[in-house]
Amino acid sequence: MGLFKQKMIDKMTIRGLSLNTQSNYLESVTKFIKFFNKSPDLITLHDIYSFQLYDYLCFFKILRLIVINILIYSYFFLILSKVPSFSNKSKTCFNLV
């Protein structure tokens, strides 16, 4: 990816992109190329579609895990909120005596 990377950096510099943006773009392209494990000039349109589908499915996998965690935490919160606190128990004990 050496020559390809240098060309990409040159074009981004000419367009006036910030160093942070350039770094993000290079990281994304590196991830994209490593996914296929082949030279950028050999990547086809079908490869791009398959990467988009893979990226899309990974997003929903992460989203599903987040939703599951939220449901678990809210379930435990509801259970714990129904348990009377220690201070409430002591007040009722004194009221009974």
PDB file of N, CA and C in Angstrom:
ATOM      1  N   MET A   1       0.821  -1.195   0.000  1.00  0.00           N
ATOM      2  CA  MET A   1       0.000   0.000   0.000  1.00  0.00           C
ATOM      3  C   MET A   1       0.859   1.251   0.000  1.00  0.00           C
ATOM      4  N   GLY A   2       2.160   1.120  -0.080  1.00  0.00           N
ATOM      5  CA  GLY A   2       3.063   2.256   0.013  1.00  0.00           C
ATOM      6  C   GLY A   2       2.824   3.345  -1.010  1.00  0.00           C
ATOM      7  N   LEU A   3       2.825   2.995  -2.293  1.00  0.00           N
ATOM      8  CA  LEU A   3       2.630   3.988  -3.357  1.00  0.00           C
ATOM      9  C   LEU A   3       1.202   4.525  -3.324  1.00  0.00           C
ATOM     10  N   PHE A   4       0.249   3.645  -3.121  1.00  0.00           N
ATOM     11  CA  PHE A   4      -1.154   4.048  -3.037  1.00  0.00           C
ATOM     12  C   PHE A   4      -1.368   5.018  -1.869  1.00  0.00           C
ATOM     13  N   LYS A   5      -0.770   4.701  -0.731  1.00  0.00           N
ATOM     14  CA  LYS A   5      -0.900   5.544   0.459  1.00  0.00           C
ATOM     15  C   LYS A   5      -0.305   6.920   0.215  1.00  0.00           C
ATOM     16  N   GLN A   6       0.863   6.966  -0.428  1.00  0.00           N
ATOM     17  CA  GLN A   6       1.504   8.253  -0.694  1.00  0.00           C
ATOM     18  C   GLN A   6       0.675   9.093  -1.662  1.00  0.00           C
ATOM     19  N   LYS A   7       0.110   8.463  -2.679  1.00  0.00           N
ATOM     20  CA  LYS A   7      -0.749   9.193  -3.618  1.00  0.00           C
ATOM     21  C   LYS A   7      -1.969   9.755  -2.897  1.00  0.00           C
ATOM     22  N   MET A   8      -2.522   8.942  -2.015  1.00  0.00           N
ATOM     23  CA  MET A   8      -3.695   9.378  -1.263  1.00  0.00           C
ATOM     24  C   MET A   8      -3.361  10.568  -0.366  1.00  0.00           C
ATOM     25  N   ILE A   9      -2.225  10.501   0.304  1.00  0.00           N
ATOM     26  CA  ILE A   9      -1.796  11.604   1.172  1.00  0.00           C
ATOM     27  C   ILE A   9      -1.580  12.866   0.353  1.00  0.00           C
ATOM     28  N   ASP A  10      -0.932  12.728  -0.806  1.00  0.00           N
ATOM     29  CA  ASP A  10      -0.690  13.892  -1.670  1.00  0.00           C
ATOM     30  C   ASP A  10      -2.000  14.539  -2.110  1.00  0.00           C
ATOM     31  N   LYS A  11      -2.952  13.733  -2.542  1.00  0.00           N
ATOM     32  CA  LYS A  11      -4.232  14.283  -2.998  1.00  0.00           C
ATOM     33  C   LYS A  11      -5.008  14.933  -1.863  1.00  0.00           C
ATOM     34  N   MET A  12      -4.961  14.342  -0.672  1.00  0.00           N
ATOM     35  CA  MET A  12      -5.667  14.937   0.465  1.00  0.00           C
ATOM     36  C   MET A  12      -5.008  16.248   0.894  1.00  0.00           C
ATOM     37  N   THR A  13      -3.676  16.304   0.787  1.00  0.00           N
ATOM     38  CA  THR A  13      -2.959  17.538   1.133  1.00  0.00           C
ATOM     39  C   THR A  13      -3.303  18.645   0.146  1.00  0.00           C
ATOM     40  N   ILE A  14      -3.357  18.309  -1.133  1.00  0.00           N
ATOM     41  CA  ILE A  14      -3.712  19.301  -2.162  1.00  0.00           C
ATOM     42  C   ILE A  14      -5.117  19.840  -1.918  1.00  0.00           C
ATOM     43  N   ARG A  15      -6.019  18.980  -1.493  1.00  0.00           N
ATOM     44  CA  ARG A  15      -7.398  19.411  -1.233  1.00  0.00           C
ATOM     45  C   ARG A  15      -7.545  20.154   0.083  1.00  0.00           C
ATOM     46  N   GLY A  16      -6.492  20.193   0.873  1.00  0.00           N
ATOM     47  CA  GLY A  16      -6.503  20.971   2.112  1.00  0.00           C
ATOM     48  C   GLY A  16      -7.189  20.282   3.282  1.00  0.00           C
ATOM     49  N   LEU A  17      -7.208  18.964   3.293  1.00  0.00           N
ATOM     50  CA  LEU A  17      -7.806  18.244   4.413  1.00  0.00           C
ATOM     51  C   LEU A  17      -6.885  18.314   5.634  1.00  0.00           C
ATOM     52  N   SER A  18      -7.481  18.375   6.808  1.00  0.00           N
ATOM     53  CA  SER A  18      -6.683  18.450   8.034  1.00  0.00           C
ATOM     54  C   SER A  18      -5.960  17.122   8.272  1.00  0.00           C
ATOM     55  N   LEU A  19      -4.937  17.184   9.118  1.00  0.00           N
ATOM     56  CA  LEU A  19      -4.171  15.970   9.422  1.00  0.00           C
ATOM     57  C   LEU A  19      -5.032  14.920  10.111  1.00  0.00           C
ATOM     58  N   ASN A  20      -5.961  15.370  10.953  1.00  0.00           N
ATOM     59  CA  ASN A  20      -6.862  14.441  11.630  1.00  0.00           C
ATOM     60  C   ASN A  20      -7.763  13.722  10.616  1.00  0.00           C
ATOM     61  N   THR A  21      -8.298  14.461   9.657  1.00  0.00           N
ATOM     62  CA  THR A  21      -9.135  13.866   8.620  1.00  0.00           C
ATOM     63  C   THR A  21      -8.322  12.899   7.776  1.00  0.00           C
ATOM     64  N   GLN A  22      -7.112  13.290   7.427  1.00  0.00           N
ATOM     65  CA  GLN A  22      -6.250  12.409   6.642  1.00  0.00           C
ATOM     66  C   GLN A  22      -5.970  11.112   7.391  1.00  0.00           C
ATOM     67  N   SER A  23      -5.705  11.229   8.671  1.00  0.00           N
ATOM     68  CA  SER A  23      -5.432  10.052   9.489  1.00  0.00           C
ATOM     69  C   SER A  23      -6.646   9.117   9.533  1.00  0.00           C
ATOM     70  N   ASN A  24      -7.833   9.703   9.698  1.00  0.00           N
ATOM     71  CA  ASN A  24      -9.064   8.896   9.725  1.00  0.00           C
ATOM     72  C   ASN A  24      -9.306   8.200   8.388  1.00  0.00           C
ATOM     73  N   TYR A  25      -9.101   8.926   7.286  1.00  0.00           N
ATOM     74  CA  TYR A  25      -9.288   8.337   5.961  1.00  0.00           C
ATOM     75  C   TYR A  25      -8.297   7.205   5.727  1.00  0.00           C
ATOM     76  N   LEU A  26      -7.053   7.423   6.096  1.00  0.00           N
ATOM     77  CA  LEU A  26      -6.037   6.381   5.896  1.00  0.00           C
ATOM     78  C   LEU A  26      -6.342   5.143   6.739  1.00  0.00           C
ATOM     79  N   GLU A  27      -6.822   5.358   7.937  1.00  0.00           N
ATOM     80  CA  GLU A  27      -7.181   4.229   8.803  1.00  0.00           C
ATOM     81  C   GLU A  27      -8.341   3.429   8.199  1.00  0.00           C
ATOM     82  N   SER A  28      -9.335   4.137   7.666  1.00  0.00           N
ATOM     83  CA  SER A  28     -10.483   3.461   7.054  1.00  0.00           C
ATOM     84  C   SER A  28     -10.076   2.686   5.806  1.00  0.00           C
ATOM     85  N   VAL A  29      -9.244   3.288   4.981  1.00  0.00           N
ATOM     86  CA  VAL A  29      -8.798   2.615   3.758  1.00  0.00           C
ATOM     87  C   VAL A  29      -7.925   1.413   4.103  1.00  0.00           C
ATOM     88  N   THR A  30      -7.079   1.538   5.112  1.00  0.00           N
ATOM     89  CA  THR A  30      -6.245   0.413   5.540  1.00  0.00           C
ATOM     90  C   THR A  30      -7.109  -0.744   6.019  1.00  0.00           C
ATOM     91  N   LYS A  31      -8.137  -0.437   6.797  1.00  0.00           N
ATOM     92  CA  LYS A  31      -9.072  -1.464   7.269  1.00  0.00           C
ATOM     93  C   LYS A  31      -9.774  -2.125   6.077  1.00  0.00           C
ATOM     94  N   PHE A  32     -10.169  -1.308   5.113  1.00  0.00           N
ATOM     95  CA  PHE A  32     -10.846  -1.804   3.920  1.00  0.00           C
ATOM     96  C   PHE A  32      -9.945  -2.747   3.128  1.00  0.00           C
ATOM     97  N   ILE A  33      -8.698  -2.361   2.931  1.00  0.00           N
ATOM     98  CA  ILE A  33      -7.764  -3.169   2.141  1.00  0.00           C
ATOM     99  C   ILE A  33      -7.378  -4.448   2.886  1.00  0.00           C
ATOM    100  N   LYS A  34      -7.206  -4.363   4.206  1.00  0.00           N
ATOM    101  CA  LYS A  34      -6.880  -5.566   4.986  1.00  0.00           C
ATOM    102  C   LYS A  34      -8.033  -6.564   4.987  1.00  0.00           C
ATOM    103  N   PHE A  35      -9.258  -6.070   4.872  1.00  0.00           N
ATOM    104  CA  PHE A  35     -10.420  -6.948   4.829  1.00  0.00           C
ATOM    105  C   PHE A  35     -10.333  -7.893   3.625  1.00  0.00           C
ATOM    106  N   PHE A  36      -9.858  -7.369   2.484  1.00  0.00           N
ATOM    107  CA  PHE A  36      -9.780  -8.177   1.265  1.00  0.00           C
ATOM    108  C   PHE A  36      -8.435  -8.859   1.083  1.00  0.00           C
ATOM    109  N   ASN A  37      -7.412  -8.344   1.752  1.00  0.00           N
ATOM    110  CA  ASN A  37      -6.071  -8.911   1.653  1.00  0.00           C
ATOM    111  C   ASN A  37      -5.574  -8.967   0.205  1.00  0.00           C
ATOM    112  N   LYS A  38      -5.827  -7.874  -0.525  1.00  0.00           N
ATOM    113  CA  LYS A  38      -5.301  -7.770  -1.884  1.00  0.00           C
ATOM    114  C   LYS A  38      -5.047  -6.306  -2.224  1.00  0.00           C
ATOM    115  N   SER A  39      -4.353  -6.092  -3.309  1.00  0.00           N
ATOM    116  CA  SER A  39      -3.974  -4.754  -3.741  1.00  0.00           C
ATOM    117  C   SER A  39      -5.222  -3.917  -4.039  1.00  0.00           C
ATOM    118  N   PRO A  40      -5.181  -2.603  -3.754  1.00  0.00           N
ATOM    119  CA  PRO A  40      -6.354  -1.747  -3.997  1.00  0.00           C
ATOM    120  C   PRO A  40      -6.810  -1.740  -5.458  1.00  0.00           C
ATOM    121  N   ASP A  41      -5.880  -1.888  -6.399  1.00  0.00           N
ATOM    122  CA  ASP A  41      -6.280  -1.858  -7.805  1.00  0.00           C
ATOM    123  C   ASP A  41      -6.958  -3.152  -8.256  1.00  0.00           C
ATOM    124  N   LEU A  42      -6.945  -4.192  -7.421  1.00  0.00           N
ATOM    125  CA  LEU A  42      -7.602  -5.455  -7.753  1.00  0.00           C
ATOM    126  C   LEU A  42      -8.990  -5.594  -7.118  1.00  0.00           C
ATOM    127  N   ILE A  43      -9.378  -4.612  -6.324  1.00  0.00           N
ATOM    128  CA  ILE A  43     -10.682  -4.663  -5.650  1.00  0.00           C
ATOM    129  C   ILE A  43     -11.775  -4.297  -6.652  1.00  0.00           C
ATOM    130  N   THR A  44     -12.809  -5.137  -6.698  1.00  0.00           N
ATOM    131  CA  THR A  44     -13.896  -4.934  -7.656  1.00  0.00           C
ATOM    132  C   THR A  44     -15.108  -4.292  -6.974  1.00  0.00           C
ATOM    133  N   LEU A  45     -16.096  -3.955  -7.787  1.00  0.00           N
ATOM    134  CA  LEU A  45     -17.325  -3.377  -7.266  1.00  0.00           C
ATOM    135  C   LEU A  45     -18.056  -4.380  -6.371  1.00  0.00           C
ATOM    136  N   HIS A  46     -18.004  -5.640  -6.733  1.00  0.00           N
ATOM    137  CA  HIS A  46     -18.613  -6.690  -5.905  1.00  0.00           C
ATOM    138  C   HIS A  46     -17.945  -6.752  -4.526  1.00  0.00           C
ATOM    139  N   ASP A  47     -16.622  -6.567  -4.491  1.00  0.00           N
ATOM    140  CA  ASP A  47     -15.903  -6.546  -3.214  1.00  0.00           C
ATOM    141  C   ASP A  47     -16.388  -5.389  -2.344  1.00  0.00           C
ATOM    142  N   ILE A  48     -16.613  -4.249  -2.966  1.00  0.00           N
ATOM    143  CA  ILE A  48     -17.079  -3.078  -2.216  1.00  0.00           C
ATOM    144  C   ILE A  48     -18.457  -3.341  -1.613  1.00  0.00           C
ATOM    145  N   TYR A  49     -19.345  -3.954  -2.394  1.00  0.00           N
ATOM    146  CA  TYR A  49     -20.679  -4.280  -1.882  1.00  0.00           C
ATOM    147  C   TYR A  49     -20.601  -5.269  -0.714  1.00  0.00           C
ATOM    148  N   SER A  50     -19.742  -6.247  -0.830  1.00  0.00           N
ATOM    149  CA  SER A  50     -19.622  -7.228   0.254  1.00  0.00           C
ATOM    150  C   SER A  50     -19.053  -6.582   1.513  1.00  0.00           C
ATOM    151  N   PHE A  51     -18.124  -5.638   1.358  1.00  0.00           N
ATOM    152  CA  PHE A  51     -17.586  -4.926   2.524  1.00  0.00           C
ATOM    153  C   PHE A  51     -18.664  -4.065   3.169  1.00  0.00           C
ATOM    154  N   GLN A  52     -19.476  -3.409   2.351  1.00  0.00           N
ATOM    155  CA  GLN A  52     -20.566  -2.591   2.890  1.00  0.00           C
ATOM    156  C   GLN A  52     -21.547  -3.455   3.676  1.00  0.00           C
ATOM    157  N   LEU A  53     -21.865  -4.622   3.152  1.00  0.00           N
ATOM    158  CA  LEU A  53     -22.766  -5.527   3.849  1.00  0.00           C
ATOM    159  C   LEU A  53     -22.148  -5.995   5.164  1.00  0.00           C
ATOM    160  N   TYR A  54     -20.862  -6.343   5.139  1.00  0.00           N
ATOM    161  CA  TYR A  54     -20.156  -6.770   6.342  1.00  0.00           C
ATOM    162  C   TYR A  54     -20.162  -5.656   7.388  1.00  0.00           C
ATOM    163  N   ASP A  55     -19.854  -4.432   6.961  1.00  0.00           N
ATOM    164  CA  ASP A  55     -19.817  -3.287   7.865  1.00  0.00           C
ATOM    165  C   ASP A  55     -21.210  -3.016   8.442  1.00  0.00           C
ATOM    166  N   TYR A  56     -22.224  -3.142   7.610  1.00  0.00           N
ATOM    167  CA  TYR A  56     -23.613  -2.940   8.019  1.00  0.00           C
ATOM    168  C   TYR A  56     -24.017  -3.968   9.073  1.00  0.00           C
ATOM    169  N   LEU A  57     -23.675  -5.234   8.841  1.00  0.00           N
ATOM    170  CA  LEU A  57     -24.017  -6.293   9.786  1.00  0.00           C
ATOM    171  C   LEU A  57     -23.262  -6.137  11.099  1.00  0.00           C
ATOM    172  N   CYS A  58     -22.006  -5.695  11.024  1.00  0.00           N
ATOM    173  CA  CYS A  58     -21.238  -5.455  12.260  1.00  0.00           C
ATOM    174  C   CYS A  58     -21.868  -4.340  13.083  1.00  0.00           C
ATOM    175  N   PHE A  59     -22.373  -3.301  12.400  1.00  0.00           N
ATOM    176  CA  PHE A  59     -23.025  -2.199  13.095  1.00  0.00           C
ATOM    177  C   PHE A  59     -24.237  -2.713  13.860  1.00  0.00           C
ATOM    178  N   PHE A  60     -25.051  -3.548  13.217  1.00  0.00           N
ATOM    179  CA  PHE A  60     -26.236  -4.057  13.898  1.00  0.00           C
ATOM    180  C   PHE A  60     -25.891  -5.051  14.991  1.00  0.00           C
ATOM    181  N   LYS A  61     -24.779  -5.753  14.854  1.00  0.00           N
ATOM    182  CA  LYS A  61     -24.346  -6.640  15.921  1.00  0.00           C
ATOM    183  C   LYS A  61     -23.982  -5.823  17.161  1.00  0.00           C
ATOM    184  N   ILE A  62     -23.261  -4.741  16.970  1.00  0.00           N
ATOM    185  CA  ILE A  62     -22.893  -3.863  18.085  1.00  0.00           C
ATOM    186  C   ILE A  62     -24.142  -3.221  18.677  1.00  0.00           C
ATOM    187  N   LEU A  63     -25.034  -2.757  17.804  1.00  0.00           N
ATOM    188  CA  LEU A  63     -26.270  -2.132  18.269  1.00  0.00           C
ATOM    189  C   LEU A  63     -27.103  -3.121  19.077  1.00  0.00           C
ATOM    190  N   ARG A  64     -27.171  -4.368  18.626  1.00  0.00           N
ATOM    191  CA  ARG A  64     -27.922  -5.396  19.341  1.00  0.00           C
ATOM    192  C   ARG A  64     -27.325  -5.631  20.730  1.00  0.00           C
ATOM    193  N   LEU A  65     -25.996  -5.665  20.825  1.00  0.00           N
ATOM    194  CA  LEU A  65     -25.355  -5.851  22.125  1.00  0.00           C
ATOM    195  C   LEU A  65     -25.647  -4.688  23.065  1.00  0.00           C
ATOM    196  N   ILE A  66     -25.671  -3.481  22.529  1.00  0.00           N
ATOM    197  CA  ILE A  66     -25.977  -2.307  23.355  1.00  0.00           C
ATOM    198  C   ILE A  66     -27.403  -2.391  23.881  1.00  0.00           C
ATOM    199  N   VAL A  67     -28.335  -2.755  23.011  1.00  0.00           N
ATOM    200  CA  VAL A  67     -29.739  -2.861  23.431  1.00  0.00           C
ATOM    201  C   VAL A  67     -29.905  -3.956  24.480  1.00  0.00           C
ATOM    202  N   ILE A  68     -29.242  -5.071  24.285  1.00  0.00           N
ATOM    203  CA  ILE A  68     -29.322  -6.163  25.266  1.00  0.00           C
ATOM    204  C   ILE A  68     -28.789  -5.696  26.613  1.00  0.00           C
ATOM    205  N   ASN A  69     -27.669  -4.986  26.621  1.00  0.00           N
ATOM    206  CA  ASN A  69     -27.116  -4.472  27.885  1.00  0.00           C
ATOM    207  C   ASN A  69     -28.080  -3.508  28.559  1.00  0.00           C
ATOM    208  N   ILE A  70     -28.706  -2.650  27.781  1.00  0.00           N
ATOM    209  CA  ILE A  70     -29.661  -1.694  28.354  1.00  0.00           C
ATOM    210  C   ILE A  70     -30.838  -2.439  28.970  1.00  0.00           C
ATOM    211  N   LEU A  71     -31.327  -3.460  28.283  1.00  0.00           N
ATOM    212  CA  LEU A  71     -32.442  -4.235  28.822  1.00  0.00           C
ATOM    213  C   LEU A  71     -32.060  -4.957  30.112  1.00  0.00           C
ATOM    214  N   ILE A  72     -30.870  -5.526  30.140  1.00  0.00           N
ATOM    215  CA  ILE A  72     -30.415  -6.229  31.350  1.00  0.00           C
ATOM    216  C   ILE A  72     -30.297  -5.259  32.520  1.00  0.00           C
ATOM    217  N   TYR A  73     -29.661  -4.106  32.281  1.00  0.00           N
ATOM    218  CA  TYR A  73     -29.503  -3.133  33.359  1.00  0.00           C
ATOM    219  C   TYR A  73     -30.845  -2.589  33.833  1.00  0.00           C
ATOM    220  N   SER A  74     -31.751  -2.333  32.914  1.00  0.00           N
ATOM    221  CA  SER A  74     -33.055  -1.813  33.331  1.00  0.00           C
ATOM    222  C   SER A  74     -33.847  -2.875  34.097  1.00  0.00           C
ATOM    223  N   TYR A  75     -33.704  -4.132  33.702  1.00  0.00           N
ATOM    224  CA  TYR A  75     -34.367  -5.220  34.425  1.00  0.00           C
ATOM    225  C   TYR A  75     -33.869  -5.292  35.868  1.00  0.00           C
ATOM    226  N   PHE A  76     -32.543  -5.252  36.042  1.00  0.00           N
ATOM    227  CA  PHE A  76     -31.987  -5.300  37.392  1.00  0.00           C
ATOM    228  C   PHE A  76     -32.348  -4.053  38.187  1.00  0.00           C
ATOM    229  N   PHE A  77     -32.427  -2.921  37.529  1.00  0.00           N
ATOM    230  CA  PHE A  77     -32.836  -1.706  38.220  1.00  0.00           C
ATOM    231  C   PHE A  77     -34.264  -1.847  38.735  1.00  0.00           C
ATOM    232  N   LEU A  78     -35.143  -2.413  37.900  1.00  0.00           N
ATOM    233  CA  LEU A  78     -36.531  -2.598  38.333  1.00  0.00           C
ATOM    234  C   LEU A  78     -36.620  -3.574  39.495  1.00  0.00           C
ATOM    235  N   ILE A  79     -35.841  -4.630  39.447  1.00  0.00           N
ATOM    236  CA  ILE A  79     -35.846  -5.599  40.547  1.00  0.00           C
ATOM    237  C   ILE A  79     -35.347  -4.944  41.826  1.00  0.00           C
ATOM    238  N   LEU A  80     -34.246  -4.214  41.737  1.00  0.00           N
ATOM    239  CA  LEU A  80     -33.683  -3.574  42.930  1.00  0.00           C
ATOM    240  C   LEU A  80     -34.575  -2.461  43.455  1.00  0.00           C
ATOM    241  N   SER A  81     -35.311  -1.808  42.588  1.00  0.00           N
ATOM    242  CA  SER A  81     -36.176  -0.728  43.062  1.00  0.00           C
ATOM    243  C   SER A  81     -37.393  -1.268  43.807  1.00  0.00           C
ATOM    244  N   LYS A  82     -37.755  -2.533  43.582  1.00  0.00           N
ATOM    245  CA  LYS A  82     -38.890  -3.127  44.292  1.00  0.00           C
ATOM    246  C   LYS A  82     -38.501  -3.674  45.660  1.00  0.00           C
ATOM    247  N   VAL A  83     -37.230  -3.878  45.904  1.00  0.00           N
ATOM    248  CA  VAL A  83     -36.767  -4.364  47.191  1.00  0.00           C
ATOM    249  C   VAL A  83     -36.782  -3.194  48.168  1.00  0.00           C
ATOM    250  N   PRO A  84     -37.433  -3.344  49.314  1.00  0.00           N
ATOM    251  CA  PRO A  84     -37.454  -2.225  50.262  1.00  0.00           C
ATOM    252  C   PRO A  84     -36.050  -1.950  50.794  1.00  0.00           C
ATOM    253  N   SER A  85     -35.775  -0.709  51.003  1.00  0.00           N
ATOM    254  CA  SER A  85     -34.449  -0.343  51.494  1.00  0.00           C
ATOM    255  C   SER A  85     -34.323  -0.691  52.976  1.00  0.00           C
ATOM    256  N   PHE A  86     -33.110  -0.717  53.476  1.00  0.00           N
ATOM    257  CA  PHE A  86     -32.846  -1.066  54.868  1.00  0.00           C
ATOM    258  C   PHE A  86     -33.465  -0.045  55.814  1.00  0.00           C
ATOM    259  N   SER A  87     -33.416   1.224  55.423  1.00  0.00           N
ATOM    260  CA  SER A  87     -33.966   2.258  56.300  1.00  0.00           C
ATOM    261  C   SER A  87     -35.481   2.126  56.432  1.00  0.00           C
ATOM    262  N   ASN A  88     -36.156   1.697  55.370  1.00  0.00           N
ATOM    263  CA  ASN A  88     -37.609   1.501  55.454  1.00  0.00           C
ATOM    264  C   ASN A  88     -37.946   0.339  56.382  1.00  0.00           C
ATOM    265  N   LYS A  89     -37.143  -0.712  56.372  1.00  0.00           N
ATOM    266  CA  LYS A  89     -37.391  -1.865  57.235  1.00  0.00           C
ATOM    267  C   LYS A  89     -37.246  -1.461  58.715  1.00  0.00           C
ATOM    268  N   SER A  90     -36.244  -0.672  59.010  1.00  0.00           N
ATOM    269  CA  SER A  90     -36.036  -0.292  60.403  1.00  0.00           C
ATOM    270  C   SER A  90     -37.175   0.589  60.903  1.00  0.00           C
ATOM    271  N   LYS A  91     -37.728   1.436  60.065  1.00  0.00           N
ATOM    272  CA  LYS A  91     -38.839   2.274  60.472  1.00  0.00           C
ATOM    273  C   LYS A  91     -40.071   1.430  60.755  1.00  0.00           C
ATOM    274  N   THR A  92     -40.319   0.432  59.911  1.00  0.00           N
ATOM    275  CA  THR A  92     -41.495  -0.412  60.141  1.00  0.00           C
ATOM    276  C   THR A  92     -41.318  -1.252  61.398  1.00  0.00           C
ATOM    277  N   CYS A  93     -40.096  -1.661  61.703  1.00  0.00           N
ATOM    278  CA  CYS A  93     -39.860  -2.424  62.923  1.00  0.00           C
ATOM    279  C   CYS A  93     -40.175  -1.581  64.156  1.00  0.00           C
ATOM    280  N   PHE A  94     -39.771  -0.328  64.148  1.00  0.00           N
ATOM    281  CA  PHE A  94     -40.041   0.529  65.290  1.00  0.00           C
ATOM    282  C   PHE A  94     -41.539   0.829  65.411  1.00  0.00           C
ATOM    283  N   ASN A  95     -42.222   0.890  64.289  1.00  0.00           N
ATOM    284  CA  ASN A  95     -43.650   1.157  64.329  1.00  0.00           C
ATOM    285  C   ASN A  95     -44.413  -0.031  64.909  1.00  0.00           C
ATOM    286  N   LEU A  96     -43.891  -1.237  64.716  1.00  0.00           N
ATOM    287  CA  LEU A  96     -44.575  -2.417  65.228  1.00  0.00           C
ATOM    288  C   LEU A  96     -44.409  -2.563  66.736  1.00  0.00           C
ATOM    289  N   VAL A  97     -43.353  -2.063  67.286  1.00  0.00           N
ATOM    290  CA  VAL A  97     -43.082  -2.260  68.706  1.00  0.00           C
ATOM    291  C   VAL A  97     -43.894  -1.348  69.580  1.00  0.00           C
TER     292      VAL A  97
END
